[in-house]
Amino acid sequence: MSRINPTPPQRQRLIERNASRCCVCKRPSIGSHLHHIDGDSSNTVDENLAVLCVEDHDKHHRPGEYEPRHLELGAGEILRLKTSWEAFLAEAKMPNPKVLATLSCYGTEGLIHSLQLVMQWPDERIEYVRSFHLLDGDMDRLTDDVFKELASIGPHVKMAVINRPLPVDHCPCCGTGVSRTMKPAVVARLTDPAWAIDSSCCIYINPAQPTIALVFFLGKQEVLSGSLHLCQGKYLHYHSEGVDDRVRVRPKPSVRTQARQIVNHVLKEWAPARTLIGTSDPGNPRIIPDLDLPLAWEKRPGRPNGGAGNPGSPVGRSQGK
């Protein structure tokens, strides 16, 4: 059959649906083609037309002319990328989008040389990455560019900022920099409106050992678990998904107070709507109002009998539905 070209309104509709970007590389304003995904130039329906930049359109038609990287632009891959990108943009334009942007900085405390903006789905799938380097402008300009970029994707998309410089890690396959994302639990906390009213943290205090378990829920679904224990009588070790912090115990205040401070910090960061604290039988724990830790936390080298220490302030009182 003879070729059927897209109509001007159709072209405009697809360009807007893709935020004027190639569905493969996501770069804007570098020349856009409407590509017939199945190779049938008469099948000119929206579902069969992908917005491709000049370079990626050429990669598809001349695959042997480009150095292989992570993907080959066959028809199946282009359809997957088109579908995912258009769905991501549709979600990003919602009043409370479930997608998230992560901003990382690279360099040292004395010199940040680049920023990277990563757009991701709740399950950590990366949809889009853009890097900003000092060679492109000073930090004020780069920061402005980041926010302009975010606004062009979705005005209501929340952005998480990693607040310390990161080292640059490279992919062993293609040599490009590895992008950082947020864990699904963090995405849920930052993007789901239900977190403010339907999240909870259940804390279990081991009555005989210096250990605490924390489990966070959104509704009935567990989203994150963590633990804190006294290690070798010298360190307070908190472990959770993506977090492994070991802090040396200070002489004062008491170990129990220092442990409570760590738990308080975790609760402040995650801000659950409810906190329930239990102890004794782990299968049927007794609910208690405060984070009252046993004397086992005070048994450190050189202090065989433990110490009462400072009881500290409570984490919070249990609030049932």
Foldseek 3Di string as FASTA:
>chain_A
DDADDDDPVLVVVQCVLLLQAFLPARDHDQAWDWDQLVPDRNPPDSLRTGIHHPVVVVCQVCVVVDDDDDDRDHSVVRSVSRVVSSVQLVQQADQQRLKAKEKAFADAPVDTFKIKIWIAHLQRHTRHIDMGGCVVDHPVVVVVVVQVVSVSSHVNHYYHYDPGHDYWDADPGHGHTDDDDDHSLVSCLVRPPQQQPAKEKEWEAEQQFFKIKIWIDRHPHTDWIKMWHQDQLFWIWIDIVVDTDIHGDDPDFAQLQVVQVVVLVVCVVSVGNFYWYFYDDPVDTDTDFFPAHYQNSQCHVVCNPGDDGDRHDGSGGGDDD
